[in-house]
Every structure is written in structure tokens, then in C-alpha cells.
PDB file of N, CA and C in Angstrom:
ATOM      1  N   MET A   1     -23.233  15.586 -25.992  1.00  0.00           N
ATOM      2  CA  MET A   1     -22.344  14.450 -25.963  1.00  0.00           C
ATOM      3  C   MET A   1     -23.182  13.188 -25.841  1.00  0.00           C
ATOM      4  N   SER A   2     -22.957  12.254 -26.731  1.00  0.00           N
ATOM      5  CA  SER A   2     -23.691  10.991 -26.644  1.00  0.00           C
ATOM      6  C   SER A   2     -22.941  10.036 -25.717  1.00  0.00           C
ATOM      7  N   THR A   3     -23.666   9.128 -25.133  1.00  0.00           N
ATOM      8  CA  THR A   3     -23.052   8.161 -24.220  1.00  0.00           C
ATOM      9  C   THR A   3     -23.279   6.763 -24.741  1.00  0.00           C
ATOM     10  N   VAL A   4     -22.440   5.858 -24.279  1.00  0.00           N
ATOM     11  CA  VAL A   4     -22.545   4.459 -24.652  1.00  0.00           C
ATOM     12  C   VAL A   4     -22.436   3.627 -23.383  1.00  0.00           C
ATOM     13  N   SER A   5     -23.168   2.554 -23.321  1.00  0.00           N
ATOM     14  CA  SER A   5     -23.125   1.669 -22.165  1.00  0.00           C
ATOM     15  C   SER A   5     -21.945   0.709 -22.332  1.00  0.00           C
ATOM     16  N   THR A   6     -21.215   0.492 -21.243  1.00  0.00           N
ATOM     17  CA  THR A   6     -20.062  -0.399 -21.268  1.00  0.00           C
ATOM     18  C   THR A   6     -20.167  -1.364 -20.105  1.00  0.00           C
ATOM     19  N   ASN A   7     -19.866  -2.617 -20.343  1.00  0.00           N
ATOM     20  CA  ASN A   7     -19.863  -3.620 -19.282  1.00  0.00           C
ATOM     21  C   ASN A   7     -18.431  -3.896 -18.861  1.00  0.00           C
ATOM     22  N   ILE A   8     -18.190  -3.856 -17.556  1.00  0.00           N
ATOM     23  CA  ILE A   8     -16.895  -4.230 -17.023  1.00  0.00           C
ATOM     24  C   ILE A   8     -17.105  -5.195 -15.875  1.00  0.00           C
ATOM     25  N   LYS A   9     -16.143  -6.064 -15.657  1.00  0.00           N
ATOM     26  CA  LYS A   9     -16.241  -7.020 -14.556  1.00  0.00           C
ATOM     27  C   LYS A   9     -15.498  -6.450 -13.355  1.00  0.00           C
ATOM     28  N   ILE A  10     -16.184  -6.398 -12.209  1.00  0.00           N
ATOM     29  CA  ILE A  10     -15.637  -5.850 -10.970  1.00  0.00           C
ATOM     30  C   ILE A  10     -15.958  -6.828  -9.850  1.00  0.00           C
ATOM     31  N   ASP A  11     -15.009  -7.020  -8.961  1.00  0.00           N
ATOM     32  CA  ASP A  11     -15.241  -7.832  -7.773  1.00  0.00           C
ATOM     33  C   ASP A  11     -16.456  -7.270  -7.028  1.00  0.00           C
ATOM     34  N   THR A  12     -17.333  -8.136  -6.596  1.00  0.00           N
ATOM     35  CA  THR A  12     -18.580  -7.726  -5.948  1.00  0.00           C
ATOM     36  C   THR A  12     -18.337  -6.816  -4.750  1.00  0.00           C
ATOM     37  N   ASP A  13     -17.423  -7.223  -3.857  1.00  0.00           N
ATOM     38  CA  ASP A  13     -17.156  -6.415  -2.668  1.00  0.00           C
ATOM     39  C   ASP A  13     -16.542  -5.065  -3.040  1.00  0.00           C
ATOM     40  N   LEU A  14     -15.636  -5.070  -4.016  1.00  0.00           N
ATOM     41  CA  LEU A  14     -15.017  -3.817  -4.454  1.00  0.00           C
ATOM     42  C   LEU A  14     -16.072  -2.862  -4.998  1.00  0.00           C
ATOM     43  N   LYS A  15     -17.019  -3.391  -5.765  1.00  0.00           N
ATOM     44  CA  LYS A  15     -18.078  -2.546  -6.314  1.00  0.00           C
ATOM     45  C   LYS A  15     -18.903  -1.912  -5.193  1.00  0.00           C
ATOM     46  N   LYS A  16     -19.279  -2.735  -4.215  1.00  0.00           N
ATOM     47  CA  LYS A  16     -20.092  -2.225  -3.101  1.00  0.00           C
ATOM     48  C   LYS A  16     -19.340  -1.158  -2.317  1.00  0.00           C
ATOM     49  N   GLU A  17     -18.069  -1.436  -1.996  1.00  0.00           N
ATOM     50  CA  GLU A  17     -17.275  -0.473  -1.233  1.00  0.00           C
ATOM     51  C   GLU A  17     -17.081   0.819  -2.026  1.00  0.00           C
ATOM     52  N   SER A  18     -16.855   0.687  -3.326  1.00  0.00           N
ATOM     53  CA  SER A  18     -16.683   1.858  -4.182  1.00  0.00           C
ATOM     54  C   SER A  18     -17.956   2.688  -4.237  1.00  0.00           C
ATOM     55  N   GLN A  19     -19.086   2.018  -4.360  1.00  0.00           N
ATOM     56  CA  GLN A  19     -20.357   2.737  -4.427  1.00  0.00           C
ATOM     57  C   GLN A  19     -20.606   3.534  -3.147  1.00  0.00           C
ATOM     58  N   VAL A  20     -20.274   2.946  -2.006  1.00  0.00           N
ATOM     59  CA  VAL A  20     -20.444   3.656  -0.733  1.00  0.00           C
ATOM     60  C   VAL A  20     -19.529   4.877  -0.702  1.00  0.00           C
ATOM     61  N   LEU A  21     -18.273   4.688  -1.078  1.00  0.00           N
ATOM     62  CA  LEU A  21     -17.321   5.799  -1.096  1.00  0.00           C
ATOM     63  C   LEU A  21     -17.806   6.917  -2.010  1.00  0.00           C
ATOM     64  N   PHE A  22     -18.144   6.559  -3.243  1.00  0.00           N
ATOM     65  CA  PHE A  22     -18.544   7.580  -4.206  1.00  0.00           C
ATOM     66  C   PHE A  22     -19.837   8.269  -3.788  1.00  0.00           C
ATOM     67  N   GLU A  23     -20.748   7.517  -3.192  1.00  0.00           N
ATOM     68  CA  GLU A  23     -21.987   8.124  -2.702  1.00  0.00           C
ATOM     69  C   GLU A  23     -21.672   9.168  -1.626  1.00  0.00           C
ATOM     70  N   ASN A  24     -20.719   8.835  -0.749  1.00  0.00           N
ATOM     71  CA  ASN A  24     -20.312   9.781   0.293  1.00  0.00           C
ATOM     72  C   ASN A  24     -19.659  11.022  -0.306  1.00  0.00           C
ATOM     73  N   LEU A  25     -19.108  10.893  -1.505  1.00  0.00           N
ATOM     74  CA  LEU A  25     -18.496  12.027  -2.203  1.00  0.00           C
ATOM     75  C   LEU A  25     -19.481  12.736  -3.131  1.00  0.00           C
ATOM     76  N   GLY A  26     -20.735  12.268  -3.128  1.00  0.00           N
ATOM     77  CA  GLY A  26     -21.759  12.879  -3.975  1.00  0.00           C
ATOM     78  C   GLY A  26     -21.709  12.407  -5.418  1.00  0.00           C
ATOM     79  N   LEU A  27     -21.128  11.243  -5.655  1.00  0.00           N
ATOM     80  CA  LEU A  27     -20.997  10.707  -7.008  1.00  0.00           C
ATOM     81  C   LEU A  27     -21.648   9.336  -7.090  1.00  0.00           C
ATOM     82  N   ASN A  28     -21.867   8.880  -8.316  1.00  0.00           N
ATOM     83  CA  ASN A  28     -22.233   7.488  -8.511  1.00  0.00           C
ATOM     84  C   ASN A  28     -21.069   6.801  -9.219  1.00  0.00           C
ATOM     85  N   LEU A  29     -21.135   5.495  -9.348  1.00  0.00           N
ATOM     86  CA  LEU A  29     -20.040   4.727  -9.936  1.00  0.00           C
ATOM     87  C   LEU A  29     -19.765   5.161 -11.366  1.00  0.00           C
ATOM     88  N   SER A  30     -20.796   5.408 -12.133  1.00  0.00           N
ATOM     89  CA  SER A  30     -20.631   5.821 -13.523  1.00  0.00           C
ATOM     90  C   SER A  30     -19.882   7.152 -13.629  1.00  0.00           C
ATOM     91  N   THR A  31     -20.252   8.109 -12.793  1.00  0.00           N
ATOM     92  CA  THR A  31     -19.586   9.409 -12.804  1.00  0.00           C
ATOM     93  C   THR A  31     -18.120   9.265 -12.391  1.00  0.00           C
ATOM     94  N   ALA A  32     -17.850   8.446 -11.371  1.00  0.00           N
ATOM     95  CA  ALA A  32     -16.476   8.249 -10.904  1.00  0.00           C
ATOM     96  C   ALA A  32     -15.620   7.600 -11.995  1.00  0.00           C
ATOM     97  N   VAL A  33     -16.161   6.609 -12.688  1.00  0.00           N
ATOM     98  CA  VAL A  33     -15.413   5.960 -13.772  1.00  0.00           C
ATOM     99  C   VAL A  33     -15.161   6.962 -14.891  1.00  0.00           C
ATOM    100  N   ASN A  34     -16.150   7.765 -15.224  1.00  0.00           N
ATOM    101  CA  ASN A  34     -15.962   8.788 -16.250  1.00  0.00           C
ATOM    102  C   ASN A  34     -14.900   9.807 -15.842  1.00  0.00           C
ATOM    103  N   MET A  35     -14.869  10.179 -14.558  1.00  0.00           N
ATOM    104  CA  MET A  35     -13.835  11.095 -14.085  1.00  0.00           C
ATOM    105  C   MET A  35     -12.447  10.477 -14.268  1.00  0.00           C
ATOM    106  N   PHE A  36     -12.325   9.208 -13.902  1.00  0.00           N
ATOM    107  CA  PHE A  36     -11.050   8.514 -14.061  1.00  0.00           C
ATOM    108  C   PHE A  36     -10.628   8.505 -15.530  1.00  0.00           C
ATOM    109  N   LEU A  37     -11.543   8.140 -16.426  1.00  0.00           N
ATOM    110  CA  LEU A  37     -11.210   8.056 -17.846  1.00  0.00           C
ATOM    111  C   LEU A  37     -10.839   9.419 -18.420  1.00  0.00           C
ATOM    112  N   ARG A  38     -11.574  10.463 -18.051  1.00  0.00           N
ATOM    113  CA  ARG A  38     -11.252  11.815 -18.539  1.00  0.00           C
ATOM    114  C   ARG A  38      -9.860  12.251 -18.070  1.00  0.00           C
ATOM    115  N   GLN A  39      -9.554  11.982 -16.814  1.00  0.00           N
ATOM    116  CA  GLN A  39      -8.249  12.366 -16.280  1.00  0.00           C
ATOM    117  C   GLN A  39      -7.137  11.568 -16.965  1.00  0.00           C
ATOM    118  N   ALA A  40      -7.354  10.283 -17.213  1.00  0.00           N
ATOM    119  CA  ALA A  40      -6.357   9.461 -17.907  1.00  0.00           C
ATOM    120  C   ALA A  40      -6.088  10.002 -19.306  1.00  0.00           C
ATOM    121  N   VAL A  41      -7.151  10.367 -20.016  1.00  0.00           N
ATOM    122  CA  VAL A  41      -6.989  10.927 -21.362  1.00  0.00           C
ATOM    123  C   VAL A  41      -6.281  12.278 -21.287  1.00  0.00           C
ATOM    124  N   ARG A  42      -6.663  13.101 -20.335  1.00  0.00           N
ATOM    125  CA  ARG A  42      -6.048  14.425 -20.187  1.00  0.00           C
ATOM    126  C   ARG A  42      -4.546  14.305 -19.919  1.00  0.00           C
ATOM    127  N   GLU A  43      -4.164  13.371 -19.030  1.00  0.00           N
ATOM    128  CA  GLU A  43      -2.763  13.228 -18.650  1.00  0.00           C
ATOM    129  C   GLU A  43      -1.999  12.261 -19.557  1.00  0.00           C
ATOM    130  N   GLN A  44      -2.738  11.526 -20.385  1.00  0.00           N
ATOM    131  CA  GLN A  44      -2.126  10.491 -21.221  1.00  0.00           C
ATOM    132  C   GLN A  44      -1.343   9.498 -20.363  1.00  0.00           C
ATOM    133  N   ALA A  45      -1.958   9.144 -19.244  1.00  0.00           N
ATOM    134  CA  ALA A  45      -1.335   8.234 -18.287  1.00  0.00           C
ATOM    135  C   ALA A  45      -2.378   7.798 -17.266  1.00  0.00           C
ATOM    136  N   ILE A  46      -2.049   6.760 -16.516  1.00  0.00           N
ATOM    137  CA  ILE A  46      -2.885   6.392 -15.375  1.00  0.00           C
ATOM    138  C   ILE A  46      -2.774   7.552 -14.385  1.00  0.00           C
ATOM    139  N   PRO A  47      -3.877   8.129 -13.927  1.00  0.00           N
ATOM    140  CA  PRO A  47      -3.806   9.346 -13.105  1.00  0.00           C
ATOM    141  C   PRO A  47      -3.494   9.108 -11.625  1.00  0.00           C
ATOM    142  N   PHE A  48      -2.780   8.064 -11.323  1.00  0.00           N
ATOM    143  CA  PHE A  48      -2.301   7.824  -9.968  1.00  0.00           C
ATOM    144  C   PHE A  48      -1.104   6.901 -10.063  1.00  0.00           C
ATOM    145  N   ARG A  49      -0.342   6.834  -8.996  1.00  0.00           N
ATOM    146  CA  ARG A  49       0.862   6.026  -8.973  1.00  0.00           C
ATOM    147  C   ARG A  49       0.503   4.549  -9.056  1.00  0.00           C
ATOM    148  N   VAL A  50       1.175   3.826  -9.942  1.00  0.00           N
ATOM    149  CA  VAL A  50       1.010   2.388 -10.050  1.00  0.00           C
ATOM    150  C   VAL A  50       2.368   1.764  -9.750  1.00  0.00           C
ATOM    151  N   GLY A  51       2.419   0.895  -8.780  1.00  0.00           N
ATOM    152  CA  GLY A  51       3.684   0.267  -8.441  1.00  0.00           C
ATOM    153  C   GLY A  51       3.628  -0.336  -7.061  1.00  0.00           C
ATOM    154  N   ALA A  52       4.781  -0.792  -6.633  1.00  0.00           N
ATOM    155  CA  ALA A  52       4.881  -1.388  -5.305  1.00  0.00           C
ATOM    156  C   ALA A  52       4.619  -0.306  -4.255  1.00  0.00           C
ATOM    157  N   PRO A  53       4.019  -0.689  -3.141  1.00  0.00           N
ATOM    158  CA  PRO A  53       3.747   0.288  -2.089  1.00  0.00           C
ATOM    159  C   PRO A  53       5.039   0.932  -1.574  1.00  0.00           C
ATOM    160  N   VAL A  54       4.969   2.195  -1.259  1.00  0.00           N
ATOM    161  CA  VAL A  54       6.113   2.904  -0.697  1.00  0.00           C
ATOM    162  C   VAL A  54       6.138   2.611   0.800  1.00  0.00           C
ATOM    163  N   PRO A  55       7.285   2.144   1.318  1.00  0.00           N
ATOM    164  CA  PRO A  55       7.343   1.851   2.760  1.00  0.00           C
ATOM    165  C   PRO A  55       7.110   3.109   3.587  1.00  0.00           C
ATOM    166  N   ASN A  56       6.469   2.932   4.748  1.00  0.00           N
ATOM    167  CA  ASN A  56       6.249   4.067   5.648  1.00  0.00           C
ATOM    168  C   ASN A  56       7.553   4.424   6.373  1.00  0.00           C
ATOM    169  N   ASP A  57       7.548   5.495   7.137  1.00  0.00           N
ATOM    170  CA  ASP A  57       8.762   5.971   7.814  1.00  0.00           C
ATOM    171  C   ASP A  57       9.352   4.930   8.754  1.00  0.00           C
ATOM    172  N   GLU A  58       8.496   4.224   9.480  1.00  0.00           N
ATOM    173  CA  GLU A  58       8.987   3.216  10.429  1.00  0.00           C
ATOM    174  C   GLU A  58       9.725   2.099   9.698  1.00  0.00           C
ATOM    175  N   THR A  59       9.171   1.664   8.574  1.00  0.00           N
ATOM    176  CA  THR A  59       9.820   0.615   7.790  1.00  0.00           C
ATOM    177  C   THR A  59      11.130   1.116   7.197  1.00  0.00           C
ATOM    178  N   MET A  60      11.136   2.356   6.705  1.00  0.00           N
ATOM    179  CA  MET A  60      12.367   2.929   6.145  1.00  0.00           C
ATOM    180  C   MET A  60      13.450   3.026   7.224  1.00  0.00           C
ATOM    181  N   ASP A  61      13.063   3.423   8.436  1.00  0.00           N
ATOM    182  CA  ASP A  61      14.024   3.492   9.541  1.00  0.00           C
ATOM    183  C   ASP A  61      14.594   2.105   9.854  1.00  0.00           C
ATOM    184  N   ALA A  62      13.723   1.101   9.856  1.00  0.00           N
ATOM    185  CA  ALA A  62      14.172  -0.269  10.135  1.00  0.00           C
ATOM    186  C   ALA A  62      15.134  -0.755   9.049  1.00  0.00           C
ATOM    187  N   LEU A  63      14.847  -0.433   7.797  1.00  0.00           N
ATOM    188  CA  LEU A  63      15.739  -0.823   6.705  1.00  0.00           C
ATOM    189  C   LEU A  63      17.101  -0.149   6.846  1.00  0.00           C
ATOM    190  N   GLN A  64      17.088   1.132   7.221  1.00  0.00           N
ATOM    191  CA  GLN A  64      18.350   1.853   7.431  1.00  0.00           C
ATOM    192  C   GLN A  64      19.139   1.223   8.582  1.00  0.00           C
ATOM    193  N   GLU A  65      18.440   0.847   9.639  1.00  0.00           N
ATOM    194  CA  GLU A  65      19.094   0.220  10.790  1.00  0.00           C
ATOM    195  C   GLU A  65      19.738  -1.100  10.386  1.00  0.00           C
ATOM    196  N   VAL A  66      19.052  -1.886   9.585  1.00  0.00           N
ATOM    197  CA  VAL A  66      19.605  -3.163   9.122  1.00  0.00           C
ATOM    198  C   VAL A  66      20.857  -2.926   8.273  1.00  0.00           C
ATOM    199  N   LYS A  67      20.817  -1.922   7.400  1.00  0.00           N
ATOM    200  CA  LYS A  67      21.990  -1.606   6.580  1.00  0.00           C
ATOM    201  C   LYS A  67      23.184  -1.239   7.461  1.00  0.00           C
ATOM    202  N   LYS A  68      22.936  -0.425   8.489  1.00  0.00           N
ATOM    203  CA  LYS A  68      24.013  -0.037   9.405  1.00  0.00           C
ATOM    204  C   LYS A  68      24.569  -1.258  10.128  1.00  0.00           C
ATOM    205  N   MET A  69      23.670  -2.138  10.579  1.00  0.00           N
ATOM    206  CA  MET A  69      24.102  -3.324  11.308  1.00  0.00           C
ATOM    207  C   MET A  69      24.875  -4.288  10.404  1.00  0.00           C
ATOM    208  N   LYS A  70      24.496  -4.360   9.135  1.00  0.00           N
ATOM    209  CA  LYS A  70      25.227  -5.219   8.202  1.00  0.00           C
ATOM    210  C   LYS A  70      26.635  -4.690   7.969  1.00  0.00           C
ATOM    211  N   SER A  71      26.767  -3.367   7.888  1.00  0.00           N
ATOM    212  CA  SER A  71      28.081  -2.783   7.646  1.00  0.00           C
ATOM    213  C   SER A  71      28.930  -2.756   8.920  1.00  0.00           C
ATOM    214  N   ASN A  72      28.297  -2.834  10.092  1.00  0.00           N
ATOM    215  CA  ASN A  72      29.011  -2.831  11.361  1.00  0.00           C
ATOM    216  C   ASN A  72      28.325  -3.819  12.309  1.00  0.00           C
ATOM    217  N   PRO A  73      28.684  -5.113  12.217  1.00  0.00           N
ATOM    218  CA  PRO A  73      28.016  -6.148  13.031  1.00  0.00           C
ATOM    219  C   PRO A  73      28.122  -5.938  14.534  1.00  0.00           C
ATOM    220  N   ASP A  74      29.062  -5.097  14.992  1.00  0.00           N
ATOM    221  CA  ASP A  74      29.199  -4.858  16.430  1.00  0.00           C
ATOM    222  C   ASP A  74      28.046  -4.032  16.997  1.00  0.00           C
ATOM    223  N   LEU A  75      27.217  -3.453  16.139  1.00  0.00           N
ATOM    224  CA  LEU A  75      26.103  -2.621  16.601  1.00  0.00           C
ATOM    225  C   LEU A  75      24.969  -3.430  17.225  1.00  0.00           C
ATOM    226  N   GLY A  76      24.874  -4.699  16.922  1.00  0.00           N
ATOM    227  CA  GLY A  76      23.773  -5.505  17.443  1.00  0.00           C
ATOM    228  C   GLY A  76      24.267  -6.851  17.921  1.00  0.00           C
ATOM    229  N   LYS A  77      23.423  -7.543  18.623  1.00  0.00           N
ATOM    230  CA  LYS A  77      23.763  -8.859  19.132  1.00  0.00           C
ATOM    231  C   LYS A  77      23.403  -9.899  18.078  1.00  0.00           C
ATOM    232  N   THR A  78      24.273 -10.875  17.895  1.00  0.00           N
ATOM    233  CA  THR A  78      23.998 -11.953  16.947  1.00  0.00           C
ATOM    234  C   THR A  78      23.737 -13.241  17.711  1.00  0.00           C
ATOM    235  N   TYR A  79      23.037 -14.138  17.076  1.00  0.00           N
ATOM    236  CA  TYR A  79      22.671 -15.401  17.701  1.00  0.00           C
ATOM    237  C   TYR A  79      22.981 -16.559  16.764  1.00  0.00           C
ATOM    238  N   THR A  80      23.338 -17.669  17.378  1.00  0.00           N
ATOM    239  CA  THR A  80      23.447 -18.932  16.642  1.00  0.00           C
ATOM    240  C   THR A  80      22.416 -19.917  17.184  1.00  0.00           C
ATOM    241  N   ASP A  81      21.699 -19.498  18.207  1.00  0.00           N
ATOM    242  CA  ASP A  81      20.702 -20.344  18.864  1.00  0.00           C
ATOM    243  C   ASP A  81      19.368 -19.598  18.907  1.00  0.00           C
ATOM    244  N   VAL A  82      18.389 -20.108  18.168  1.00  0.00           N
ATOM    245  CA  VAL A  82      17.077 -19.461  18.091  1.00  0.00           C
ATOM    246  C   VAL A  82      16.398 -19.426  19.458  1.00  0.00           C
ATOM    247  N   ASP A  83      16.545 -20.510  20.215  1.00  0.00           N
ATOM    248  CA  ASP A  83      15.909 -20.555  21.533  1.00  0.00           C
ATOM    249  C   ASP A  83      16.449 -19.456  22.444  1.00  0.00           C
ATOM    250  N   GLN A  84      17.766 -19.228  22.404  1.00  0.00           N
ATOM    251  CA  GLN A  84      18.355 -18.169  23.222  1.00  0.00           C
ATOM    252  C   GLN A  84      17.857 -16.797  22.761  1.00  0.00           C
ATOM    253  N   MET A  85      17.760 -16.619  21.449  1.00  0.00           N
ATOM    254  CA  MET A  85      17.260 -15.356  20.922  1.00  0.00           C
ATOM    255  C   MET A  85      15.839 -15.093  21.424  1.00  0.00           C
ATOM    256  N   MET A  86      14.995 -16.122  21.380  1.00  0.00           N
ATOM    257  CA  MET A  86      13.614 -15.957  21.842  1.00  0.00           C
ATOM    258  C   MET A  86      13.562 -15.665  23.334  1.00  0.00           C
ATOM    259  N   ARG A  87      14.423 -16.319  24.118  1.00  0.00           N
ATOM    260  CA  ARG A  87      14.439 -16.028  25.563  1.00  0.00           C
ATOM    261  C   ARG A  87      14.833 -14.561  25.794  1.00  0.00           C
ATOM    262  N   ASP A  88      15.838 -14.087  25.058  1.00  0.00           N
ATOM    263  CA  ASP A  88      16.251 -12.691  25.207  1.00  0.00           C
ATOM    264  C   ASP A  88      15.135 -11.738  24.773  1.00  0.00           C
ATOM    265  N   LEU A  89      14.441 -12.058  23.693  1.00  0.00           N
ATOM    266  CA  LEU A  89      13.369 -11.199  23.234  1.00  0.00           C
ATOM    267  C   LEU A  89      12.215 -11.124  24.223  1.00  0.00           C
ATOM    268  N   LEU A  90      11.946 -12.229  24.879  1.00  0.00           N
ATOM    269  CA  LEU A  90      10.804 -12.295  25.802  1.00  0.00           C
ATOM    270  C   LEU A  90      11.167 -11.869  27.218  1.00  0.00           C
ATOM    271  N   ASP A  91      12.461 -11.739  27.498  1.00  0.00           N
ATOM    272  CA  ASP A  91      12.911 -11.341  28.816  1.00  0.00           C
ATOM    273  C   ASP A  91      12.677  -9.853  29.013  1.00  0.00           C
ATOM    274  N   ASP A  92      11.914  -9.477  30.017  1.00  0.00           N
ATOM    275  CA  ASP A  92      11.596  -8.069  30.270  1.00  0.00           C
ATOM    276  C   ASP A  92      12.794  -7.281  30.773  1.00  0.00           C
ATOM    277  N   ASP A  93      13.813  -7.947  31.298  1.00  0.00           N
ATOM    278  CA  ASP A  93      14.953  -7.243  31.885  1.00  0.00           C
ATOM    279  C   ASP A  93      15.990  -6.826  30.856  1.00  0.00           C
ATOM    280  N   VAL A  94      15.886  -7.319  29.634  1.00  0.00           N
ATOM    281  CA  VAL A  94      16.903  -7.002  28.614  1.00  0.00           C
ATOM    282  C   VAL A  94      16.586  -5.690  27.954  1.00  0.00           C
TER     283      VAL A  94
END
């Protein structure tokens, strides 16, 4: 198999961090890029998820709680005064 040299632009810090990672995995940057390209061709797709980050469990729970509170406002306390809300949040007895 013949090889060809290719130039790509990479953020300096990203390159350094990647090189450290790949070295720890027993690879060099060239081998890692070739692995990525081979996998992309094999799958005919980007070989990893591309998109917005998936929220973690804690965030998903908080979103569910907000939905419940929106559908039933009696579940939580509401405020019309930000200062009072902050006092309640900072009060250890509440």
C-alpha cells in the first residue's frame, strides 16, 4: 500500500493533547488518523456520535422536575421578589 502525505490544520493544544493520548494508547497521530479514516470508510459515516451533548442523569431529572412543576405549580414555591427568593435560598433553616 502506498502512502501520501497530507497537511491538515489542527489547534496547537488539541494536537499536543491528542499526541499524549495516542502515545498512551501505543499509537502516533498518523496511525490514529488512519484508524479514524478507515473506520469512516468502513461504516460510510462518521464513526462516533455527532450532535448536541446528551444531558446526564442529574440534568434529565431536573428537566423532568421542571416539567412536573410547570404542569402543577402547587408543587413548588413561586416568587415575585428576587431578593426574597435569594434570602430563602441562603437560609439554612428552609
